[in-house]
């Protein structure tokens, strides 16, 4: 369904209003105006948002709307929009919906033909990217870096051969572990950048290959939320041709005998050489079937 300019819309509108990621001067005039004119502000955490509202002397009523909000809370909000009221959805920092709640409300509003308007504004991932020194031509945002080993391996397998710069969010107390996972899966020479405390007084960029950055952080206590950027690796090199006659089990056994590798190391090397998933080589080596 086509949605035309909000200026031609006579009903209520759901405004997605960005907030500063640190520096309050990044709040736009338009964002302030819509927060003042809205009938209700929906905030991820009202305790954080009230500080912003007080700073800009915004007195609009506010209620919480977060990831644990029940689905039955959507209908009263949709009814207010249908009756012509304007709602403004904000997150704690940056653009709403980017790793923040709000999608169910946006989806429900659009499904009922209600107007949804996004205002441009601050975003930590893009702010870090354009000052990182890494390629901005193509990039992929992956959200928060996975906590579990399986998830880390899976996402880094995606990153490994892509030309696009990879962007993650990570907490300060897990950033060192994330770098260790990147070094293990992508090697010590992959370029990475850590951006922290963006737009704030102690804004910091740490650039280098993953080994250099790990060494730089070895004796540092990291504070503030981090944006972690990983350079693209270019197109994956074509490995030897894989045919129906290729004996993956024999290849693993040969590597173990010739280079003194254990089965896990040899399986990983064969998978990398032939551009296969490690699980496929593992199954072949152990004579397993799907």
Foldseek 3Di string as FASTA:
>chain_A
DDDDDCVPDQFAEEEFAAQAQFDRVQHDPVSLVCLQQAQEEEEQDVVLVVVSCVVSVRDHHYDYDFPPDDPVVLVVVLVRRRRRGYYYYYYSHGTPPQPTDDVVNVVVCVVVVGHYHYDDGDDPQVVCVVPQPADPPAADEDEAQDDDLVSNLVVVLVQQFFQHKYKYKYAQVCPLVSLVSCCVRRNQQWKKWKWFPPPDPPTDIDTGGSNVVNVVCVPPRDHGIIMMITGGPYHQDAADDDDPPDQLLVQLVVCCVPVVDDSLVSLVVSCSRHVHDSVVSVCSNVVHDD
